[in-house]
N, C-alpha and C. Protein backbone atom coordinates (compact mmCIF):
# COMPACT_ATOMS: atom_id res chain seq x y z
N MET A 1 105.96 -19.73 -66.82
CA MET A 1 105.16 -19.35 -65.65
C MET A 1 105.56 -20.21 -64.45
N LYS A 2 105.69 -19.56 -63.31
CA LYS A 2 106.07 -20.28 -62.09
C LYS A 2 104.93 -21.15 -61.60
N LYS A 3 105.28 -22.30 -61.04
CA LYS A 3 104.31 -23.20 -60.46
C LYS A 3 103.92 -22.72 -59.08
N GLN A 4 102.63 -22.53 -58.85
CA GLN A 4 102.17 -22.03 -57.56
C GLN A 4 102.01 -23.18 -56.56
N ILE A 5 102.52 -22.94 -55.36
CA ILE A 5 102.36 -23.87 -54.24
C ILE A 5 101.70 -23.08 -53.11
N VAL A 6 100.52 -23.47 -52.71
CA VAL A 6 99.82 -22.79 -51.61
C VAL A 6 99.92 -23.66 -50.37
N VAL A 7 100.46 -23.10 -49.29
CA VAL A 7 100.63 -23.84 -48.05
C VAL A 7 99.72 -23.24 -46.98
N ILE A 8 98.78 -24.05 -46.49
CA ILE A 8 97.88 -23.62 -45.42
C ILE A 8 98.41 -24.17 -44.10
N HIS A 9 98.76 -23.27 -43.21
CA HIS A 9 99.35 -23.65 -41.93
C HIS A 9 98.31 -24.27 -41.00
N GLY A 10 98.78 -24.76 -39.87
CA GLY A 10 97.90 -25.36 -38.88
C GLY A 10 97.36 -24.34 -37.90
N GLY A 11 96.74 -24.84 -36.86
CA GLY A 11 96.16 -23.97 -35.85
C GLY A 11 95.48 -24.80 -34.77
N ASP A 12 94.84 -24.10 -33.87
CA ASP A 12 94.10 -24.73 -32.78
C ASP A 12 92.67 -24.21 -32.80
N SER A 13 91.76 -24.98 -32.22
CA SER A 13 90.38 -24.53 -32.10
C SER A 13 89.80 -25.01 -30.78
N PHE A 14 88.95 -24.20 -30.20
CA PHE A 14 88.40 -24.49 -28.89
C PHE A 14 86.90 -24.26 -28.88
N ASP A 15 86.20 -25.07 -28.11
CA ASP A 15 84.74 -24.97 -28.04
C ASP A 15 84.28 -23.70 -27.36
N THR A 16 85.03 -23.24 -26.36
CA THR A 16 84.63 -22.05 -25.61
C THR A 16 85.77 -21.06 -25.50
N HIS A 17 85.42 -19.81 -25.26
CA HIS A 17 86.44 -18.78 -25.08
C HIS A 17 87.26 -19.04 -23.81
N GLU A 18 86.63 -19.61 -22.82
CA GLU A 18 87.33 -19.92 -21.57
C GLU A 18 88.42 -20.96 -21.80
N GLU A 19 88.13 -21.97 -22.62
CA GLU A 19 89.13 -22.98 -22.94
C GLU A 19 90.29 -22.36 -23.72
N TYR A 20 89.97 -21.44 -24.59
CA TYR A 20 90.99 -20.73 -25.36
C TYR A 20 91.91 -19.93 -24.45
N LEU A 21 91.34 -19.17 -23.52
CA LEU A 21 92.15 -18.38 -22.59
C LEU A 21 93.01 -19.27 -21.71
N SER A 22 92.46 -20.39 -21.28
CA SER A 22 93.23 -21.33 -20.47
C SER A 22 94.41 -21.88 -21.25
N PHE A 23 94.20 -22.16 -22.53
CA PHE A 23 95.29 -22.63 -23.40
C PHE A 23 96.39 -21.58 -23.49
N LEU A 24 96.02 -20.32 -23.72
CA LEU A 24 97.01 -19.26 -23.85
C LEU A 24 97.85 -19.12 -22.58
N LYS A 25 97.20 -19.24 -21.42
CA LYS A 25 97.90 -19.08 -20.15
C LYS A 25 98.85 -20.24 -19.87
N SER A 26 98.46 -21.43 -20.26
CA SER A 26 99.24 -22.62 -19.89
C SER A 26 100.24 -23.06 -20.96
N PHE A 27 100.13 -22.50 -22.17
CA PHE A 27 101.00 -22.96 -23.27
C PHE A 27 102.45 -22.58 -23.00
N GLU A 28 103.33 -23.56 -23.10
CA GLU A 28 104.75 -23.33 -22.84
C GLU A 28 105.50 -23.08 -24.14
N ILE A 29 106.30 -22.01 -24.15
CA ILE A 29 107.12 -21.67 -25.31
C ILE A 29 108.57 -21.76 -24.88
N ASN A 30 109.35 -22.57 -25.61
CA ASN A 30 110.71 -22.86 -25.18
C ASN A 30 111.78 -21.97 -25.83
N ASP A 31 111.47 -21.38 -26.99
CA ASP A 31 112.46 -20.53 -27.63
C ASP A 31 111.77 -19.56 -28.58
N LEU A 32 112.57 -18.65 -29.12
CA LEU A 32 112.04 -17.58 -29.97
C LEU A 32 111.49 -18.08 -31.30
N SER A 33 111.90 -19.27 -31.71
CA SER A 33 111.47 -19.78 -33.01
C SER A 33 109.95 -19.91 -33.11
N TYR A 34 109.28 -20.11 -31.96
CA TYR A 34 107.82 -20.22 -32.00
C TYR A 34 107.20 -18.92 -32.52
N PHE A 35 107.78 -17.79 -32.13
CA PHE A 35 107.23 -16.49 -32.54
C PHE A 35 107.65 -16.13 -33.97
N THR A 36 108.83 -16.56 -34.37
CA THR A 36 109.30 -16.20 -35.70
C THR A 36 108.77 -17.16 -36.77
N GLY A 37 108.29 -18.33 -36.33
CA GLY A 37 107.69 -19.28 -37.26
C GLY A 37 108.67 -19.94 -38.20
N GLU A 38 109.92 -20.09 -37.77
CA GLU A 38 110.93 -20.69 -38.65
C GLU A 38 110.76 -22.21 -38.69
N ASN A 39 110.37 -22.73 -39.85
CA ASN A 39 110.24 -24.17 -40.06
C ASN A 39 110.25 -24.43 -41.57
N TRP A 40 109.88 -25.63 -41.98
CA TRP A 40 109.97 -26.00 -43.39
C TRP A 40 109.11 -25.12 -44.29
N LYS A 41 108.06 -24.54 -43.73
CA LYS A 41 107.20 -23.67 -44.56
C LYS A 41 107.97 -22.42 -45.01
N THR A 42 108.77 -21.87 -44.11
CA THR A 42 109.49 -20.63 -44.43
C THR A 42 110.72 -20.89 -45.30
N THR A 43 111.19 -22.14 -45.36
CA THR A 43 112.35 -22.46 -46.20
C THR A 43 111.95 -23.11 -47.53
N LEU A 44 110.65 -23.39 -47.70
CA LEU A 44 110.21 -24.14 -48.87
C LEU A 44 110.50 -23.40 -50.18
N GLN A 45 110.31 -22.09 -50.20
CA GLN A 45 110.57 -21.32 -51.42
C GLN A 45 112.03 -21.46 -51.84
N GLU A 46 112.92 -21.30 -50.88
CA GLU A 46 114.36 -21.41 -51.18
C GLU A 46 114.72 -22.81 -51.66
N ARG A 47 114.14 -23.82 -51.04
CA ARG A 47 114.46 -25.21 -51.41
C ARG A 47 113.90 -25.58 -52.79
N LEU A 48 112.77 -25.01 -53.16
CA LEU A 48 112.17 -25.34 -54.46
C LEU A 48 112.82 -24.57 -55.60
N GLY A 49 113.23 -23.33 -55.35
CA GLY A 49 113.90 -22.55 -56.37
C GLY A 49 113.00 -21.59 -57.13
N ASP A 50 113.58 -20.96 -58.14
CA ASP A 50 112.93 -19.86 -58.84
C ASP A 50 111.77 -20.26 -59.74
N ASN A 51 111.64 -21.53 -60.03
CA ASN A 51 110.55 -21.97 -60.90
C ASN A 51 109.22 -22.15 -60.16
N PHE A 52 109.26 -21.87 -58.86
CA PHE A 52 108.08 -22.05 -58.03
C PHE A 52 107.74 -20.75 -57.30
N ASP A 53 106.47 -20.60 -56.99
CA ASP A 53 105.99 -19.44 -56.23
C ASP A 53 105.23 -19.98 -55.02
N VAL A 54 105.87 -19.97 -53.85
CA VAL A 54 105.26 -20.50 -52.64
C VAL A 54 104.43 -19.40 -51.98
N ILE A 55 103.15 -19.68 -51.81
CA ILE A 55 102.21 -18.72 -51.23
C ILE A 55 101.84 -19.22 -49.83
N LEU A 56 102.10 -18.38 -48.83
CA LEU A 56 101.85 -18.75 -47.43
C LEU A 56 100.80 -17.82 -46.82
N PRO A 57 99.52 -18.01 -47.12
CA PRO A 57 98.52 -17.10 -46.57
C PRO A 57 98.42 -17.24 -45.05
N ARG A 58 98.26 -16.13 -44.38
CA ARG A 58 98.05 -16.13 -42.93
C ARG A 58 96.55 -16.24 -42.68
N MET A 59 96.12 -17.38 -42.20
CA MET A 59 94.70 -17.60 -41.97
C MET A 59 94.25 -16.93 -40.67
N PRO A 60 92.99 -16.52 -40.59
CA PRO A 60 92.51 -15.77 -39.43
C PRO A 60 92.64 -16.54 -38.12
N ASN A 61 93.13 -15.84 -37.11
CA ASN A 61 93.22 -16.33 -35.73
C ASN A 61 93.56 -17.81 -35.61
N PRO A 62 94.75 -18.20 -36.01
CA PRO A 62 95.10 -19.63 -35.96
C PRO A 62 95.13 -20.22 -34.55
N LEU A 63 95.22 -19.38 -33.52
CA LEU A 63 95.24 -19.91 -32.15
C LEU A 63 93.84 -20.30 -31.67
N ASN A 64 92.81 -19.81 -32.34
CA ASN A 64 91.44 -20.24 -32.03
C ASN A 64 90.64 -20.18 -33.33
N ALA A 65 90.97 -21.07 -34.23
CA ALA A 65 90.48 -21.02 -35.60
C ALA A 65 89.02 -21.43 -35.73
N ARG A 66 88.38 -20.87 -36.76
CA ARG A 66 87.02 -21.24 -37.14
C ARG A 66 87.00 -21.47 -38.65
N TYR A 67 86.42 -22.59 -39.05
CA TYR A 67 86.39 -22.91 -40.47
C TYR A 67 85.69 -21.82 -41.28
N ALA A 68 84.59 -21.31 -40.77
CA ALA A 68 83.82 -20.30 -41.51
C ALA A 68 84.69 -19.09 -41.83
N GLU A 69 85.55 -18.68 -40.89
CA GLU A 69 86.43 -17.54 -41.11
C GLU A 69 87.51 -17.89 -42.13
N TRP A 70 88.08 -19.07 -41.98
CA TRP A 70 89.13 -19.48 -42.91
C TRP A 70 88.59 -19.59 -44.33
N LYS A 71 87.36 -20.09 -44.49
CA LYS A 71 86.77 -20.23 -45.82
C LYS A 71 86.61 -18.86 -46.48
N ILE A 72 86.11 -17.89 -45.74
CA ILE A 72 85.95 -16.53 -46.29
C ILE A 72 87.29 -16.01 -46.79
N TRP A 73 88.33 -16.21 -46.00
CA TRP A 73 89.67 -15.69 -46.33
C TRP A 73 90.26 -16.44 -47.53
N PHE A 74 90.10 -17.76 -47.54
CA PHE A 74 90.63 -18.57 -48.64
C PHE A 74 89.90 -18.24 -49.95
N ASP A 75 88.61 -17.99 -49.86
CA ASP A 75 87.83 -17.60 -51.06
C ASP A 75 88.44 -16.38 -51.73
N LYS A 76 89.01 -15.48 -50.93
CA LYS A 76 89.61 -14.26 -51.48
C LYS A 76 90.93 -14.55 -52.20
N LEU A 77 91.59 -15.64 -51.85
CA LEU A 77 92.85 -16.03 -52.47
C LEU A 77 92.63 -16.75 -53.81
N VAL A 78 91.57 -17.54 -53.89
CA VAL A 78 91.34 -18.42 -55.04
C VAL A 78 91.42 -17.70 -56.39
N PRO A 79 90.84 -16.51 -56.57
CA PRO A 79 90.92 -15.86 -57.89
C PRO A 79 92.34 -15.57 -58.37
N PHE A 80 93.30 -15.54 -57.47
CA PHE A 80 94.68 -15.25 -57.84
C PHE A 80 95.49 -16.51 -58.18
N LEU A 81 94.86 -17.67 -58.06
CA LEU A 81 95.56 -18.92 -58.30
C LEU A 81 95.46 -19.32 -59.77
N ASP A 82 96.49 -20.02 -60.24
CA ASP A 82 96.55 -20.49 -61.62
C ASP A 82 96.08 -21.93 -61.71
N ASP A 83 95.70 -22.34 -62.91
CA ASP A 83 95.47 -23.75 -63.16
C ASP A 83 96.76 -24.51 -62.88
N GLY A 84 96.62 -25.71 -62.32
CA GLY A 84 97.79 -26.53 -62.02
C GLY A 84 98.40 -26.27 -60.66
N VAL A 85 97.72 -25.52 -59.81
CA VAL A 85 98.22 -25.21 -58.48
C VAL A 85 98.39 -26.49 -57.65
N ILE A 86 99.36 -26.45 -56.74
CA ILE A 86 99.55 -27.53 -55.77
C ILE A 86 99.17 -26.99 -54.40
N LEU A 87 98.28 -27.69 -53.71
CA LEU A 87 97.81 -27.27 -52.40
C LEU A 87 98.43 -28.16 -51.32
N VAL A 88 98.95 -27.52 -50.27
CA VAL A 88 99.57 -28.23 -49.16
C VAL A 88 98.90 -27.76 -47.87
N GLY A 89 98.43 -28.69 -47.07
CA GLY A 89 97.82 -28.34 -45.79
C GLY A 89 98.47 -29.09 -44.65
N HIS A 90 98.94 -28.35 -43.65
CA HIS A 90 99.58 -28.96 -42.49
C HIS A 90 98.63 -28.92 -41.31
N SER A 91 98.39 -30.08 -40.68
CA SER A 91 97.59 -30.16 -39.47
C SER A 91 96.17 -29.64 -39.71
N LEU A 92 95.75 -28.60 -38.99
CA LEU A 92 94.41 -28.06 -39.20
C LEU A 92 94.24 -27.54 -40.63
N GLY A 93 95.34 -27.08 -41.22
CA GLY A 93 95.30 -26.66 -42.62
C GLY A 93 94.98 -27.81 -43.55
N GLY A 94 95.32 -29.03 -43.15
CA GLY A 94 95.02 -30.20 -43.95
C GLY A 94 93.53 -30.52 -43.96
N ILE A 95 92.93 -30.53 -42.78
CA ILE A 95 91.49 -30.82 -42.74
C ILE A 95 90.70 -29.66 -43.35
N PHE A 96 91.26 -28.45 -43.27
CA PHE A 96 90.60 -27.32 -43.93
C PHE A 96 90.50 -27.58 -45.43
N LEU A 97 91.61 -27.97 -46.06
CA LEU A 97 91.59 -28.23 -47.50
C LEU A 97 90.67 -29.40 -47.84
N ALA A 98 90.71 -30.45 -47.02
CA ALA A 98 89.85 -31.61 -47.28
C ALA A 98 88.38 -31.22 -47.22
N LYS A 99 88.01 -30.41 -46.25
CA LYS A 99 86.62 -29.97 -46.11
C LYS A 99 86.24 -29.01 -47.24
N TYR A 100 87.10 -28.04 -47.50
CA TYR A 100 86.82 -27.05 -48.54
C TYR A 100 86.62 -27.71 -49.89
N LEU A 101 87.51 -28.62 -50.24
CA LEU A 101 87.45 -29.26 -51.55
C LEU A 101 86.36 -30.34 -51.62
N SER A 102 85.81 -30.72 -50.47
CA SER A 102 84.70 -31.67 -50.45
C SER A 102 83.35 -30.97 -50.54
N GLU A 103 83.34 -29.67 -50.27
CA GLU A 103 82.08 -28.93 -50.20
C GLU A 103 81.95 -27.83 -51.25
N ASN A 104 83.03 -27.54 -51.97
CA ASN A 104 83.02 -26.43 -52.92
C ASN A 104 83.65 -26.84 -54.24
N LYS A 105 83.02 -26.46 -55.33
CA LYS A 105 83.61 -26.70 -56.65
C LYS A 105 84.76 -25.72 -56.84
N PHE A 106 85.96 -26.24 -57.04
CA PHE A 106 87.14 -25.39 -57.18
C PHE A 106 87.24 -24.93 -58.62
N PRO A 107 87.40 -23.62 -58.86
CA PRO A 107 87.35 -23.10 -60.24
C PRO A 107 88.62 -23.29 -61.05
N LYS A 108 89.67 -23.79 -60.44
CA LYS A 108 90.94 -24.01 -61.15
C LYS A 108 91.30 -25.49 -61.07
N THR A 109 92.11 -25.95 -62.02
CA THR A 109 92.58 -27.33 -61.93
C THR A 109 93.67 -27.43 -60.86
N ILE A 110 93.67 -28.53 -60.15
CA ILE A 110 94.63 -28.76 -59.08
C ILE A 110 95.53 -29.92 -59.49
N THR A 111 96.84 -29.69 -59.46
CA THR A 111 97.78 -30.77 -59.78
C THR A 111 97.81 -31.80 -58.66
N ALA A 112 97.89 -31.31 -57.42
CA ALA A 112 97.97 -32.22 -56.28
C ALA A 112 97.53 -31.51 -55.01
N THR A 113 97.05 -32.31 -54.06
CA THR A 113 96.76 -31.83 -52.72
C THR A 113 97.54 -32.70 -51.75
N ILE A 114 98.32 -32.07 -50.90
CA ILE A 114 99.17 -32.79 -49.96
C ILE A 114 98.73 -32.46 -48.54
N LEU A 115 98.25 -33.49 -47.82
CA LEU A 115 97.80 -33.32 -46.44
C LEU A 115 98.88 -33.86 -45.51
N ILE A 116 99.38 -33.00 -44.64
CA ILE A 116 100.48 -33.36 -43.74
C ILE A 116 99.97 -33.38 -42.31
N SER A 117 99.95 -34.56 -41.72
CA SER A 117 99.49 -34.72 -40.34
C SER A 117 98.15 -34.04 -40.12
N ALA A 118 97.20 -34.38 -40.97
CA ALA A 118 95.88 -33.73 -40.92
C ALA A 118 94.91 -34.55 -40.07
N PRO A 119 94.19 -33.90 -39.17
CA PRO A 119 93.14 -34.62 -38.43
C PRO A 119 91.99 -34.99 -39.37
N PHE A 120 91.34 -36.09 -39.08
CA PHE A 120 90.19 -36.54 -39.86
C PHE A 120 88.90 -36.29 -39.09
N ASP A 121 88.87 -36.79 -37.86
CA ASP A 121 87.69 -36.56 -37.01
C ASP A 121 88.07 -36.22 -35.58
N GLY A 122 89.38 -36.11 -35.33
CA GLY A 122 89.84 -35.71 -33.99
C GLY A 122 89.85 -36.82 -32.97
N GLU A 123 89.56 -38.06 -33.36
CA GLU A 123 89.54 -39.15 -32.39
C GLU A 123 90.90 -39.28 -31.70
N GLY A 124 90.89 -39.26 -30.38
CA GLY A 124 92.11 -39.40 -29.60
C GLY A 124 92.84 -38.10 -29.36
N ASP A 125 92.41 -37.02 -30.02
CA ASP A 125 93.06 -35.73 -29.82
C ASP A 125 92.40 -34.97 -28.68
N GLU A 126 93.18 -34.12 -28.01
CA GLU A 126 92.66 -33.38 -26.87
C GLU A 126 91.79 -32.20 -27.28
N GLU A 127 92.08 -31.59 -28.41
CA GLU A 127 91.37 -30.39 -28.81
C GLU A 127 90.20 -30.70 -29.73
N SER A 128 89.19 -29.84 -29.67
CA SER A 128 88.01 -29.99 -30.51
C SER A 128 88.29 -29.45 -31.91
N LEU A 129 87.62 -30.02 -32.91
CA LEU A 129 87.72 -29.50 -34.27
C LEU A 129 86.68 -28.41 -34.53
N VAL A 130 85.78 -28.20 -33.60
CA VAL A 130 84.72 -27.19 -33.68
C VAL A 130 84.00 -27.34 -35.03
N ASP A 131 84.14 -26.36 -35.95
CA ASP A 131 83.43 -26.47 -37.23
C ASP A 131 84.31 -26.98 -38.37
N PHE A 132 85.49 -27.48 -38.04
CA PHE A 132 86.34 -28.14 -39.04
C PHE A 132 85.94 -29.62 -39.11
N ILE A 133 84.69 -29.87 -39.43
CA ILE A 133 84.16 -31.22 -39.47
C ILE A 133 83.96 -31.64 -40.92
N LEU A 134 84.51 -32.77 -41.30
CA LEU A 134 84.39 -33.24 -42.66
C LEU A 134 82.97 -33.71 -42.97
N PRO A 135 82.54 -33.54 -44.21
CA PRO A 135 81.24 -34.09 -44.61
C PRO A 135 81.32 -35.61 -44.67
N SER A 136 80.18 -36.25 -44.84
CA SER A 136 80.13 -37.71 -44.84
C SER A 136 80.86 -38.32 -46.04
N SER A 137 80.98 -37.55 -47.11
CA SER A 137 81.67 -38.05 -48.30
C SER A 137 82.77 -37.08 -48.74
N LEU A 138 83.91 -37.64 -49.12
CA LEU A 138 85.01 -36.84 -49.65
C LEU A 138 85.13 -37.03 -51.17
N GLU A 139 84.04 -37.45 -51.78
CA GLU A 139 84.05 -37.78 -53.21
C GLU A 139 84.46 -36.59 -54.07
N LEU A 140 83.91 -35.40 -53.79
CA LEU A 140 84.26 -34.22 -54.59
C LEU A 140 85.73 -33.87 -54.43
N PHE A 141 86.25 -34.00 -53.22
CA PHE A 141 87.67 -33.75 -52.97
C PHE A 141 88.52 -34.69 -53.81
N GLU A 142 88.17 -35.98 -53.80
CA GLU A 142 88.95 -36.95 -54.55
C GLU A 142 88.86 -36.69 -56.06
N LYS A 143 87.73 -36.16 -56.50
CA LYS A 143 87.51 -35.91 -57.92
C LYS A 143 88.31 -34.71 -58.41
N GLN A 144 88.40 -33.64 -57.60
CA GLN A 144 89.01 -32.41 -58.09
C GLN A 144 90.34 -32.06 -57.43
N GLY A 145 90.77 -32.85 -56.46
CA GLY A 145 91.98 -32.52 -55.71
C GLY A 145 93.28 -32.91 -56.37
N GLY A 146 93.22 -33.43 -57.61
CA GLY A 146 94.44 -33.89 -58.27
C GLY A 146 94.99 -35.12 -57.59
N LYS A 147 96.30 -35.33 -57.67
CA LYS A 147 96.91 -36.43 -56.93
C LYS A 147 96.90 -36.06 -55.44
N ILE A 148 96.44 -36.98 -54.62
CA ILE A 148 96.33 -36.70 -53.19
C ILE A 148 97.39 -37.50 -52.44
N PHE A 149 98.14 -36.77 -51.61
CA PHE A 149 99.21 -37.38 -50.81
C PHE A 149 98.90 -37.18 -49.33
N LEU A 150 99.18 -38.21 -48.55
CA LEU A 150 99.01 -38.16 -47.10
C LEU A 150 100.36 -38.37 -46.43
N TYR A 151 100.80 -37.43 -45.62
CA TYR A 151 102.04 -37.56 -44.87
C TYR A 151 101.69 -37.71 -43.39
N GLN A 152 102.25 -38.73 -42.76
CA GLN A 152 101.97 -38.96 -41.34
C GLN A 152 103.20 -39.55 -40.67
N SER A 153 103.43 -39.19 -39.42
CA SER A 153 104.52 -39.79 -38.66
C SER A 153 103.94 -40.66 -37.55
N GLN A 154 104.55 -41.82 -37.35
CA GLN A 154 104.05 -42.75 -36.35
C GLN A 154 104.19 -42.23 -34.92
N ASP A 155 105.10 -41.28 -34.72
CA ASP A 155 105.29 -40.76 -33.36
C ASP A 155 104.61 -39.41 -33.14
N ASP A 156 103.67 -39.05 -34.01
CA ASP A 156 102.94 -37.79 -33.86
C ASP A 156 101.94 -37.93 -32.71
N THR A 157 102.11 -37.11 -31.69
CA THR A 157 101.19 -37.14 -30.55
C THR A 157 100.11 -36.05 -30.65
N SER A 158 100.25 -35.15 -31.61
CA SER A 158 99.24 -34.10 -31.79
C SER A 158 98.09 -34.59 -32.65
N VAL A 159 98.42 -35.25 -33.76
CA VAL A 159 97.42 -35.89 -34.63
C VAL A 159 97.85 -37.35 -34.75
N LEU A 160 97.07 -38.23 -34.16
CA LEU A 160 97.46 -39.63 -34.08
C LEU A 160 97.40 -40.32 -35.44
N PRO A 161 98.24 -41.34 -35.65
CA PRO A 161 98.28 -42.04 -36.94
C PRO A 161 96.94 -42.62 -37.39
N ILE A 162 96.03 -42.92 -36.45
CA ILE A 162 94.72 -43.44 -36.82
C ILE A 162 93.97 -42.47 -37.74
N GLN A 163 94.29 -41.17 -37.61
CA GLN A 163 93.64 -40.18 -38.46
C GLN A 163 94.02 -40.37 -39.91
N CYS A 164 95.29 -40.67 -40.17
CA CYS A 164 95.75 -40.93 -41.53
C CYS A 164 95.09 -42.19 -42.09
N GLU A 165 94.93 -43.21 -41.25
CA GLU A 165 94.28 -44.44 -41.69
C GLU A 165 92.85 -44.16 -42.16
N LYS A 166 92.18 -43.26 -41.49
CA LYS A 166 90.81 -42.92 -41.87
C LYS A 166 90.77 -42.18 -43.20
N TYR A 167 91.74 -41.32 -43.44
CA TYR A 167 91.83 -40.66 -44.74
C TYR A 167 92.07 -41.69 -45.84
N LYS A 168 92.91 -42.68 -45.57
CA LYS A 168 93.21 -43.70 -46.57
C LYS A 168 91.97 -44.48 -46.96
N LYS A 169 91.10 -44.73 -45.99
CA LYS A 169 89.85 -45.45 -46.27
C LYS A 169 88.89 -44.57 -47.05
N ALA A 170 88.84 -43.27 -46.70
CA ALA A 170 87.91 -42.35 -47.35
C ALA A 170 88.39 -41.93 -48.73
N LEU A 171 89.71 -42.00 -48.96
CA LEU A 171 90.31 -41.57 -50.22
C LEU A 171 91.16 -42.71 -50.78
N PRO A 172 90.54 -43.71 -51.38
CA PRO A 172 91.28 -44.90 -51.82
C PRO A 172 92.42 -44.62 -52.80
N SER A 173 92.32 -43.53 -53.54
CA SER A 173 93.37 -43.25 -54.53
C SER A 173 94.55 -42.49 -53.94
N ALA A 174 94.46 -42.06 -52.69
CA ALA A 174 95.52 -41.26 -52.07
C ALA A 174 96.77 -42.10 -51.83
N GLN A 175 97.92 -41.46 -51.96
CA GLN A 175 99.20 -42.10 -51.68
C GLN A 175 99.68 -41.67 -50.30
N ALA A 176 99.98 -42.63 -49.45
CA ALA A 176 100.41 -42.32 -48.09
C ALA A 176 101.92 -42.49 -47.95
N MET A 177 102.54 -41.54 -47.27
CA MET A 177 103.96 -41.63 -46.93
C MET A 177 104.05 -41.59 -45.41
N ILE A 178 104.47 -42.69 -44.82
CA ILE A 178 104.50 -42.82 -43.36
C ILE A 178 105.94 -42.73 -42.87
N PHE A 179 106.17 -41.83 -41.93
CA PHE A 179 107.49 -41.64 -41.32
C PHE A 179 107.48 -42.22 -39.91
N LYS A 180 108.66 -42.45 -39.38
CA LYS A 180 108.76 -43.01 -38.03
C LYS A 180 108.97 -41.96 -36.95
N ASP A 181 109.74 -40.90 -37.27
CA ASP A 181 110.21 -40.02 -36.20
C ASP A 181 110.13 -38.53 -36.54
N ARG A 182 109.07 -38.11 -37.22
CA ARG A 182 108.94 -36.69 -37.57
C ARG A 182 107.96 -35.94 -36.67
N GLY A 183 107.37 -36.62 -35.71
CA GLY A 183 106.45 -35.95 -34.81
C GLY A 183 105.32 -35.28 -35.58
N HIS A 184 105.09 -34.00 -35.28
CA HIS A 184 104.00 -33.26 -35.93
C HIS A 184 104.51 -32.41 -37.10
N PHE A 185 105.67 -32.78 -37.63
CA PHE A 185 106.26 -32.11 -38.80
C PHE A 185 106.48 -30.61 -38.56
N THR A 186 107.26 -30.33 -37.53
CA THR A 186 107.60 -28.94 -37.24
C THR A 186 109.09 -28.67 -37.49
N GLN A 187 109.76 -29.59 -38.17
CA GLN A 187 111.19 -29.46 -38.42
C GLN A 187 111.48 -28.34 -39.41
N GLU A 188 112.73 -27.92 -39.46
CA GLU A 188 113.13 -26.83 -40.35
C GLU A 188 113.22 -27.27 -41.80
N GLU A 189 113.54 -28.52 -42.06
CA GLU A 189 113.70 -29.00 -43.42
C GLU A 189 112.72 -30.13 -43.70
N PHE A 190 112.28 -30.22 -44.95
CA PHE A 190 111.32 -31.25 -45.34
C PHE A 190 111.66 -31.70 -46.76
N PRO A 191 112.81 -32.39 -46.93
CA PRO A 191 113.28 -32.74 -48.27
C PRO A 191 112.32 -33.65 -49.03
N GLU A 192 111.58 -34.50 -48.34
CA GLU A 192 110.65 -35.39 -49.02
C GLU A 192 109.51 -34.61 -49.68
N LEU A 193 109.06 -33.56 -49.02
CA LEU A 193 108.01 -32.72 -49.60
C LEU A 193 108.56 -31.98 -50.82
N VAL A 194 109.76 -31.47 -50.70
CA VAL A 194 110.39 -30.77 -51.82
C VAL A 194 110.49 -31.72 -53.01
N GLU A 195 110.92 -32.95 -52.78
CA GLU A 195 111.07 -33.92 -53.85
C GLU A 195 109.72 -34.24 -54.50
N THR A 196 108.69 -34.43 -53.66
CA THR A 196 107.35 -34.72 -54.19
C THR A 196 106.87 -33.60 -55.10
N ILE A 197 107.02 -32.36 -54.65
CA ILE A 197 106.55 -31.22 -55.43
C ILE A 197 107.32 -31.11 -56.74
N LYS A 198 108.64 -31.28 -56.69
CA LYS A 198 109.44 -31.20 -57.93
C LYS A 198 109.07 -32.31 -58.90
N ASN A 199 108.77 -33.48 -58.39
CA ASN A 199 108.40 -34.61 -59.26
C ASN A 199 107.04 -34.39 -59.91
N LEU A 200 106.21 -33.55 -59.31
CA LEU A 200 104.89 -33.26 -59.86
C LEU A 200 104.94 -32.21 -60.96
N SER A 201 106.06 -31.51 -61.05
CA SER A 201 106.15 -30.35 -61.96
C SER A 201 106.90 -30.67 -63.24
């Protein structure tokens, strides 16, 4: 049986519709890759090989995300997951997994949860987390999330390194991997993630 890897992408969230429209108007796009979404998520299946099944669910309205909507959609995916699944969350997808697994009993066993440049409380960030707010305790997440990994880059200006430090305090058993020059992890290749996943299988 193939090992399932579920990757939850990132997104943006805004307090008001006016802020959202202003973001859309002012957002600068430099090349076509933004629309095609070519990055490590789209190459992960090829890099991992045939023994893995990479699942990339498209979460509702990632440009103005709401946790309540994402939870409804993710709930529909869960019945199709196998025991031993590996969960990967990038950016807003990371805090989504942390919140979901802190507030809901997951019906399958989880081998590992990998949070990549995930906001914790948004301190220092320009955008609001709206309803992507973590509960006061992450105890349930730590109990059922399997091995927990935190990936953070020191030069990330979208989610500041202080956010990773807060996860480390809240999740004492988590393993942190700190990079110097990966920014917000939008590169095409992510060999360290591939290696981590293969070592878990």
